Amino acid sequence: MIFPEHYELVPEREVWSRLNRLAARLEAEAALVSWPADLLYLTGSNQIGYLLIPDDKEPLFLVRRTPERAAAESPVRVVPLEGFRDLGAMVRDHLGRAPRSLALALDTTPAREAWAVAELLGEPALSDLGPLLLSLRAVKSRWEIGKMEEAGRIGCRAYSRLPSLFRPGMSELALAGAMTSCLMELGSQVYTRTRSAVGEMYPYHLISGKNGLCQSRVEAPFGGLGQSPSFPQGPSLEPIEPGTPIVADFASCWQGYIVDVTRMFSWGPPPARALEAYRTLTVIEADLMDRLKPGAQGEEIYARTVALAQELGFGLEFLGQGRSAITFIAHGVGLEISEPPYLAQGRPETIQADQTLALELKMVLPGLGAVGLEDTVAITGSGARKLTPHDQRFIDLVEEGS
């Protein structure tokens, strides 16, 4: 199969480096991987099947759909898998035995599937591969960070076009749709992966005015009204009102790698309180950037950031209120929108070079709405570097469009 030039494959050196690092730390006799983001990471392909990683043999990619394409995309040896019932025999044939211990990503593998795999393989002792996989993925290669840099450039270009997309009377959903279309035109992958059995991920969050006070099922200080109980989060069909804060939170994605950005807009001059809150978030972000260095402790940075918001007069508003308040200020991002590390209350994390984080700085202003500032950064040997260096002004859409 021949791909066009823009359909860039994952370099072999990336795939084998990842597989070798995982195998070196694997405690079970073998691992089976089937979650799409993990397959992409470890094989360079996202076809449906199972990646078998033995502790003493070459890995084997057992592919149900579509093996021919998987073989063209991945340097790992591909074998067609006709059906799930064939999995047990194929694993035993490759290993030369039934494994006594097997690692599965138990955070993503349904219990029924895990039980069925164990039955096919003679009931090996199961262990959780998820923490090891996520710890490996948390530290990015230069190639991966390059993909995220391009995602950041795409996002910045789209944000610069947002004022020209706005029309008076537009609904939140219409403006979100125009922005999403713009991102796609620029090459952004529209699907945003998430590692959650209950999350229903979407790549945009555009919320205006008092809809920023709406709580929802989203793990965020505010969730938006949404369109109906079918999807009670995000932008709604409500028209954007003049003089209200507009939170634009969009993910952009280049060849699987995601960055997350939030910027503020308003139709006409923004409310003074919203502008003051946003300026405070820029101060908080600058302080946070100074503290993000290899060896820094995530819990300590979280506590310092919350204390700074209190010192600056926004302790009650920062990170939300009531049941919707969150207890983290940053989350890792990469192949999935939220992955380790997390800078959070009660979560020990030591910052490492080449980790990438989305700095999730949000406030909820009673009676007014929400404000937010978010940038994605890469940790270098000496500090944090923005992968999303877009203009941080609180933009008046009337002024910008005139």
Protein backbone atom coordinates (compact mmCIF):
# COMPACT_ATOMS: atom_id res chain seq x y z
CA MET A 1 0.00 0.00 0.00
CA ILE A 2 1.40 3.40 -1.00
CA PHE A 3 0.47 6.47 1.04
CA PRO A 4 0.59 10.11 -0.09
CA GLU A 5 3.37 12.29 1.28
CA HIS A 6 1.15 14.06 3.82
CA TYR A 7 0.15 10.67 5.35
CA GLU A 8 3.28 10.49 7.49
CA LEU A 9 4.09 7.19 9.16
CA VAL A 10 5.54 6.86 12.64
CA PRO A 11 9.31 6.33 12.25
CA GLU A 12 10.55 2.82 12.98
CA ARG A 13 13.02 4.14 15.55
CA GLU A 14 10.11 5.61 17.53
CA VAL A 15 8.17 2.35 17.55
CA TRP A 16 11.11 0.13 18.52
CA SER A 17 12.33 2.57 21.19
CA ARG A 18 8.91 2.47 22.83
CA LEU A 19 8.58 -1.29 22.59
CA ASN A 20 12.07 -1.87 23.98
CA ARG A 21 11.48 0.46 26.92
CA LEU A 22 8.18 -1.25 27.73
CA ALA A 23 9.65 -4.77 27.42
CA ALA A 24 12.54 -3.82 29.71
CA ARG A 25 10.08 -2.91 32.48
CA LEU A 26 7.48 -5.61 31.84
CA GLU A 27 7.06 -7.89 34.85
CA ALA A 28 4.56 -10.35 33.34
CA GLU A 29 5.55 -13.06 30.85
CA ALA A 30 3.59 -11.23 28.15
CA ALA A 31 1.34 -8.26 27.54
CA LEU A 32 -1.63 -7.79 25.24
CA VAL A 33 -2.52 -4.28 24.05
CA SER A 34 -5.75 -3.32 22.26
CA TRP A 35 -6.65 0.29 23.22
CA PRO A 36 -6.40 2.50 20.10
CA ALA A 37 -4.05 5.15 21.54
CA ASP A 38 -1.76 2.46 22.97
CA LEU A 39 -1.72 0.52 19.69
CA LEU A 40 -0.82 3.68 17.81
CA TYR A 41 1.95 4.43 20.30
CA LEU A 42 3.46 0.94 20.24
CA THR A 43 2.93 -0.12 16.61
CA GLY A 44 2.53 3.08 14.60
CA SER A 45 -0.83 1.79 13.38
CA ASN A 46 -4.38 2.10 14.66
CA GLN A 47 -5.95 -0.94 13.06
CA ILE A 48 -8.15 -3.22 15.19
CA GLY A 49 -6.42 -6.12 16.89
CA TYR A 50 -4.05 -7.13 19.67
CA LEU A 51 -0.38 -6.37 20.07
CA LEU A 52 1.35 -9.29 21.81
CA ILE A 53 4.53 -8.30 23.68
CA PRO A 54 6.42 -11.31 25.08
CA ASP A 55 9.22 -10.96 27.60
CA ASP A 56 11.62 -13.05 25.48
CA LYS A 57 10.50 -12.88 21.82
CA GLU A 58 9.68 -10.32 19.16
CA PRO A 59 6.30 -8.59 19.44
CA LEU A 60 3.47 -9.68 17.16
CA PHE A 61 0.58 -7.55 15.92
CA LEU A 62 -2.53 -9.75 15.53
CA VAL A 63 -4.85 -7.68 13.34
CA ARG A 64 -8.51 -8.29 12.61
CA ARG A 65 -9.18 -5.16 10.55
CA THR A 66 -7.23 -4.45 8.42
CA PRO A 67 -3.98 -6.49 8.39
CA GLU A 68 -2.82 -5.30 4.97
CA ARG A 69 -2.99 -1.67 6.04
CA ALA A 70 -1.41 -2.42 9.42
CA ALA A 71 1.52 -4.10 7.67
CA ALA A 72 2.01 -1.01 5.50
CA GLU A 73 1.91 1.31 8.51
CA SER A 74 3.81 -0.61 11.19
CA PRO A 75 7.34 -2.05 11.43
CA VAL A 76 6.00 -4.73 13.82
CA ARG A 77 5.29 -8.15 12.27
CA VAL A 78 1.60 -8.37 11.41
CA VAL A 79 -0.43 -11.60 11.38
CA PRO A 80 -4.12 -11.67 10.40
CA LEU A 81 -6.51 -12.51 13.25
CA GLU A 82 -9.65 -14.11 11.86
CA GLY A 83 -11.64 -14.01 15.09
CA PHE A 84 -11.36 -13.58 18.84
CA ARG A 85 -11.51 -17.35 19.44
CA ASP A 86 -8.26 -17.73 17.49
CA LEU A 87 -6.39 -15.42 19.86
CA GLY A 88 -5.54 -18.07 22.45
CA ALA A 89 -3.94 -20.48 19.98
CA MET A 90 -2.01 -17.71 18.23
CA VAL A 91 -0.59 -16.42 21.51
CA ARG A 92 0.42 -19.92 22.64
CA ASP A 93 1.98 -20.67 19.24
CA HIS A 94 4.08 -17.51 19.33
CA LEU A 95 5.18 -17.92 22.95
CA GLY A 96 5.62 -21.68 22.72
CA ARG A 97 3.52 -22.02 25.87
CA ALA A 98 0.52 -20.61 27.68
CA PRO A 99 1.68 -17.60 29.72
CA ARG A 100 1.50 -17.96 33.49
CA SER A 101 1.17 -14.19 33.85
CA LEU A 102 -0.32 -11.62 31.48
CA ALA A 103 -0.50 -7.82 31.58
CA LEU A 104 -3.55 -5.99 30.21
CA ALA A 105 -4.41 -2.30 30.42
CA LEU A 106 -7.17 -2.85 32.96
CA ASP A 107 -8.22 0.81 32.88
CA THR A 108 -9.39 0.40 29.27
CA THR A 109 -10.05 -3.34 28.80
CA PRO A 110 -13.69 -4.22 29.59
CA ALA A 111 -13.99 -6.80 32.38
CA ARG A 112 -15.83 -9.22 30.09
CA GLU A 113 -13.00 -9.07 27.55
CA ALA A 114 -10.33 -9.52 30.22
CA TRP A 115 -12.15 -12.60 31.58
CA ALA A 116 -12.52 -14.01 28.05
CA VAL A 117 -8.80 -13.48 27.27
CA ALA A 118 -7.84 -15.17 30.54
CA GLU A 119 -10.10 -18.13 29.73
CA LEU A 120 -8.56 -18.53 26.25
CA LEU A 121 -5.06 -18.55 27.75
CA GLY A 122 -5.64 -20.97 30.63
CA GLU A 123 -6.29 -18.42 33.38
CA PRO A 124 -2.91 -16.68 33.71
CA ALA A 125 -2.41 -14.24 36.58
CA LEU A 126 -3.55 -10.85 35.28
CA SER A 127 -1.81 -7.57 36.09
CA ASP A 128 -2.47 -3.99 35.05
CA LEU A 129 -0.32 -2.66 32.20
CA GLY A 130 -1.98 0.77 32.26
CA PRO A 131 0.29 2.57 34.75
CA LEU A 132 3.45 1.43 32.94
CA LEU A 133 2.11 2.42 29.54
CA LEU A 134 1.02 5.84 30.75
CA SER A 135 4.32 6.50 32.52
CA LEU A 136 6.18 5.74 29.28
CA ARG A 137 3.85 7.93 27.23
CA ALA A 138 4.16 10.82 29.69
CA VAL A 139 7.75 11.50 28.58
CA LYS A 140 7.77 12.56 24.94
CA SER A 141 10.44 12.14 22.29
CA ARG A 142 11.64 15.07 20.22
CA TRP A 143 9.61 13.67 17.32
CA GLU A 144 6.44 13.68 19.43
CA ILE A 145 7.03 17.21 20.71
CA GLY A 146 7.55 18.29 17.11
CA LYS A 147 4.06 17.00 16.30
CA MET A 148 2.65 18.93 19.24
CA GLU A 149 4.45 22.08 18.12
CA GLU A 150 2.71 21.80 14.76
CA ALA A 151 -0.63 21.22 16.50
CA GLY A 152 0.07 24.39 18.47
CA ARG A 153 0.78 26.37 15.31
CA ILE A 154 -2.48 25.15 13.78
CA GLY A 155 -4.39 26.15 16.90
CA CYS A 156 -2.81 29.59 16.97
CA ARG A 157 -3.72 30.22 13.33
CA ALA A 158 -7.31 29.17 14.02
CA TYR A 159 -7.59 31.44 17.08
CA SER A 160 -6.30 34.38 15.03
CA ARG A 161 -9.20 33.78 12.61
CA LEU A 162 -11.91 33.47 15.26
CA PRO A 163 -12.85 37.21 15.23
CA SER A 164 -13.49 37.03 11.48
CA LEU A 165 -15.73 33.98 11.99
CA PHE A 166 -18.00 35.76 14.45
CA ARG A 167 -21.30 37.28 13.34
CA PRO A 168 -23.72 39.12 15.66
CA GLY A 169 -26.59 36.87 16.62
CA MET A 170 -24.57 33.65 16.28
CA SER A 171 -25.23 30.91 18.76
CA GLU A 172 -22.43 29.41 20.82
CA LEU A 173 -22.76 26.23 18.78
CA ALA A 174 -22.55 28.05 15.44
CA LEU A 175 -19.34 29.84 16.41
CA ALA A 176 -17.88 26.62 17.80
CA GLY A 177 -18.76 24.90 14.53
CA ALA A 178 -17.12 27.64 12.47
CA MET A 179 -13.97 27.39 14.59
CA THR A 180 -13.93 23.61 14.32
CA SER A 181 -14.31 23.85 10.55
CA CYS A 182 -11.39 26.29 10.49
CA LEU A 183 -9.22 23.88 12.50
CA MET A 184 -10.08 21.06 10.11
CA GLU A 185 -9.28 23.23 7.10
CA LEU A 186 -5.85 23.86 8.63
CA GLY A 187 -5.26 20.11 8.99
CA SER A 188 -6.30 19.41 12.57
CA GLN A 189 -7.61 15.93 13.34
CA VAL A 190 -11.15 16.52 14.55
CA TYR A 191 -11.34 13.50 16.89
CA THR A 192 -9.88 14.05 20.34
CA ARG A 193 -8.98 10.84 22.15
CA THR A 194 -9.75 10.42 25.83
CA ARG A 195 -8.96 7.53 28.17
CA SER A 196 -12.32 7.32 29.86
CA ALA A 197 -15.17 4.86 29.95
CA VAL A 198 -17.66 7.59 30.94
CA GLY A 199 -16.29 10.66 29.19
CA GLU A 200 -17.83 11.73 25.89
CA MET A 201 -15.05 13.79 24.41
CA TYR A 202 -15.38 16.56 21.89
CA PRO A 203 -12.66 18.98 20.72
CA TYR A 204 -14.34 22.29 21.53
CA HIS A 205 -15.74 24.18 24.50
CA LEU A 206 -17.25 27.58 23.62
CA ILE A 207 -19.35 29.05 26.41
CA SER A 208 -20.60 32.60 26.87
CA GLY A 209 -22.09 34.68 29.64
CA LYS A 210 -24.13 32.96 32.31
CA ASN A 211 -23.85 29.61 30.56
CA GLY A 212 -20.38 29.67 32.11
CA LEU A 213 -22.14 29.13 35.43
CA CYS A 214 -23.71 25.87 34.25
CA GLN A 215 -22.40 22.80 35.99
CA SER A 216 -22.33 19.56 34.05
CA ARG A 217 -20.82 16.07 33.87
CA VAL A 218 -17.53 17.51 32.55
CA GLU A 219 -14.59 17.35 34.97
CA ALA A 220 -14.22 21.13 34.83
CA PRO A 221 -15.22 24.19 36.91
CA PHE A 222 -17.95 24.89 34.36
CA GLY A 223 -19.50 22.73 31.69
CA GLY A 224 -21.88 24.82 29.63
CA LEU A 225 -25.55 24.30 28.87
CA GLY A 226 -25.17 22.03 25.84
CA GLN A 227 -28.04 21.34 23.46
CA SER A 228 -30.26 18.87 25.37
CA PRO A 229 -30.11 16.18 28.08
CA SER A 230 -28.62 13.97 25.36
CA PHE A 231 -25.42 16.03 25.48
CA PRO A 232 -25.67 18.38 28.48
CA GLN A 233 -22.31 20.12 28.12
CA GLY A 234 -20.44 22.52 25.89
CA PRO A 235 -21.89 25.13 23.53
CA SER A 236 -25.61 25.63 23.23
CA LEU A 237 -28.08 27.08 20.74
CA GLU A 238 -28.29 30.21 22.90
CA PRO A 239 -27.21 33.36 21.02
CA ILE A 240 -24.05 35.06 22.24
CA GLU A 241 -25.03 38.25 24.04
CA PRO A 242 -23.16 41.58 23.82
CA GLY A 243 -20.89 42.47 26.74
CA THR A 244 -20.51 38.94 28.11
CA PRO A 245 -17.30 36.91 28.48
CA ILE A 246 -16.80 34.16 25.88
CA VAL A 247 -14.57 31.22 26.83
CA ALA A 248 -13.07 29.52 23.77
CA ASP A 249 -11.37 26.23 24.72
CA PHE A 250 -10.26 24.23 21.66
CA ALA A 251 -7.98 21.29 21.17
CA SER A 252 -5.98 21.05 17.97
CA CYS A 253 -4.39 17.81 16.86
CA TRP A 254 -1.66 17.01 14.36
CA GLN A 255 -1.11 13.38 13.35
CA GLY A 256 -2.52 12.12 16.63
CA TYR A 257 -0.85 14.60 19.00
CA ILE A 258 -3.07 17.07 20.85
CA VAL A 259 -2.55 20.49 22.39
CA ASP A 260 -5.15 22.34 24.44
CA VAL A 261 -5.68 26.13 24.40
CA THR A 262 -8.16 28.51 26.04
CA ARG A 263 -8.52 32.20 25.19
CA MET A 264 -11.08 34.88 26.06
CA PHE A 265 -13.30 36.99 23.80
CA SER A 266 -16.29 39.28 24.13
CA TRP A 267 -18.78 40.99 21.81
CA GLY A 268 -18.02 44.56 22.75
CA PRO A 269 -15.98 45.64 25.80
CA PRO A 270 -15.65 42.81 28.35
CA PRO A 271 -17.04 43.27 31.86
CA ALA A 272 -14.48 44.88 34.19
CA ARG A 273 -14.63 41.98 36.65
CA ALA A 274 -14.02 39.42 33.90
CA LEU A 275 -11.08 41.44 32.58
CA GLU A 276 -9.61 41.70 36.09
CA ALA A 277 -10.00 37.94 36.62
CA TYR A 278 -8.35 37.19 33.29
CA ARG A 279 -5.41 39.47 34.01
CA THR A 280 -5.02 37.61 37.29
CA LEU A 281 -4.87 34.32 35.40
CA THR A 282 -2.03 35.66 33.25
CA VAL A 283 -0.09 36.48 36.44
CA ILE A 284 -0.81 33.00 37.83
CA GLU A 285 0.31 31.36 34.58
CA ALA A 286 3.58 33.35 34.53
CA ASP A 287 4.32 32.22 38.10
CA LEU A 288 3.45 28.64 37.19
CA MET A 289 5.75 28.74 34.16
CA ASP A 290 8.64 29.82 36.40
CA ARG A 291 8.10 26.82 38.68
CA LEU A 292 7.76 24.08 36.08
CA LYS A 293 11.24 22.57 36.04
CA PRO A 294 12.51 18.99 36.17
CA GLY A 295 12.50 17.77 39.76
CA ALA A 296 9.72 20.13 40.88
CA GLN A 297 6.93 18.53 42.92
CA GLY A 298 3.46 18.73 41.44
CA GLU A 299 1.61 18.88 44.78
CA GLU A 300 3.77 21.80 45.90
CA ILE A 301 3.18 23.69 42.66
CA TYR A 302 -0.55 23.10 42.98
CA ALA A 303 -0.61 24.41 46.56
CA ARG A 304 1.47 27.47 45.63
CA THR A 305 -0.82 28.28 42.69
CA VAL A 306 -3.99 28.06 44.79
CA ALA A 307 -2.35 30.26 47.45
CA LEU A 308 -1.37 32.83 44.81
CA ALA A 309 -4.95 33.05 43.55
CA GLN A 310 -6.01 33.72 47.15
CA GLU A 311 -3.35 36.42 47.53
CA LEU A 312 -4.53 38.09 44.32
CA GLY A 313 -8.13 38.27 45.55
CA PHE A 314 -9.65 35.41 43.56
CA GLY A 315 -9.38 32.49 45.96
CA LEU A 316 -13.12 31.78 45.89
CA GLU A 317 -13.44 32.00 42.11
CA PHE A 318 -10.30 30.08 41.11
CA LEU A 319 -10.94 26.50 39.90
CA GLY A 320 -14.69 26.80 40.42
CA GLN A 321 -17.10 26.51 43.29
CA GLY A 322 -19.23 23.92 45.03
CA ARG A 323 -19.42 20.42 43.58
CA SER A 324 -17.93 21.62 40.29
CA ALA A 325 -14.70 22.87 41.85
CA ILE A 326 -11.66 20.99 40.57
CA THR A 327 -8.47 20.15 42.45
CA PHE A 328 -5.92 20.24 39.62
CA ILE A 329 -4.20 23.03 37.72
CA ALA A 330 -2.59 21.05 34.91
CA HIS A 331 -2.89 17.72 33.15
CA GLY A 332 -0.64 15.89 30.78
CA VAL A 333 -1.60 15.86 27.12
CA GLY A 334 -0.35 13.98 24.07
CA LEU A 335 -2.10 11.15 22.24
CA GLU A 336 -5.01 11.67 24.64
CA ILE A 337 -6.49 14.92 25.93
CA SER A 338 -5.82 14.02 29.55
CA GLU A 339 -2.98 11.76 30.68
CA PRO A 340 -0.22 11.82 33.31
CA PRO A 341 1.27 13.84 34.82
CA TYR A 342 -1.34 15.75 36.85
CA LEU A 343 -0.55 18.75 39.03
CA ALA A 344 -3.22 18.14 41.60
CA GLN A 345 -4.09 18.07 45.27
CA GLY A 346 -3.02 14.79 46.86
CA ARG A 347 -1.25 13.48 43.77
CA PRO A 348 2.54 13.07 44.14
CA GLU A 349 4.23 13.89 40.82
CA THR A 350 7.84 14.75 40.10
CA ILE A 351 8.15 16.86 36.96
CA GLN A 352 10.43 15.37 34.30
CA ALA A 353 12.07 16.81 31.22
CA ASP A 354 10.10 16.23 27.99
CA GLN A 355 6.74 15.93 29.70
CA THR A 356 3.95 18.00 28.16
CA LEU A 357 1.21 19.65 30.20
CA ALA A 358 -1.91 21.71 29.59
CA LEU A 359 -2.09 24.46 32.23
CA GLU A 360 -5.79 24.45 33.14
CA LEU A 361 -6.43 27.86 34.71
CA LYS A 362 -10.12 28.68 35.05
CA MET A 363 -12.38 30.87 37.19
CA VAL A 364 -16.12 31.07 37.76
CA LEU A 365 -17.50 34.57 38.50
CA PRO A 366 -20.90 34.44 40.26
CA GLY A 367 -23.63 36.22 38.32
CA LEU A 368 -21.34 36.85 35.37
CA GLY A 369 -19.86 33.72 33.83
CA ALA A 370 -16.49 32.07 33.44
CA VAL A 371 -13.00 33.05 32.36
CA GLY A 372 -10.15 30.78 31.39
CA LEU A 373 -6.56 30.71 30.23
CA GLU A 374 -4.89 27.53 29.03
CA ASP A 375 -1.62 26.84 27.29
CA THR A 376 0.18 23.61 26.52
CA VAL A 377 3.85 23.52 27.50
CA ALA A 378 6.82 21.19 27.14
CA ILE A 379 9.24 20.78 30.04
CA THR A 380 12.83 21.36 28.98
CA GLY A 381 15.99 20.81 31.01
CA SER A 382 15.72 24.35 32.37
CA GLY A 383 12.02 25.09 32.48
CA ALA A 384 8.74 25.23 30.56
CA ARG A 385 8.35 26.21 26.91
CA LYS A 386 4.97 27.09 25.38
CA LEU A 387 3.80 25.00 22.47
CA THR A 388 0.81 27.35 22.06
CA PRO A 389 2.28 30.87 21.91
CA HIS A 390 -0.93 32.59 20.81
CA ASP A 391 -1.84 36.18 21.68
CA GLN A 392 -3.13 36.34 25.27
CA ARG A 393 -5.22 39.50 24.93
CA PHE A 394 -8.84 39.45 26.07
CA ILE A 395 -10.14 40.21 22.59
CA ASP A 396 -13.10 42.49 21.85
CA LEU A 397 -14.60 40.96 18.70
CA VAL A 398 -15.97 44.34 17.61
CA GLU A 399 -12.59 46.06 17.83
CA GLU A 400 -10.72 43.16 16.28
CA GLY A 401 -13.17 42.86 13.39
CA SER A 402 -13.26 46.58 12.59
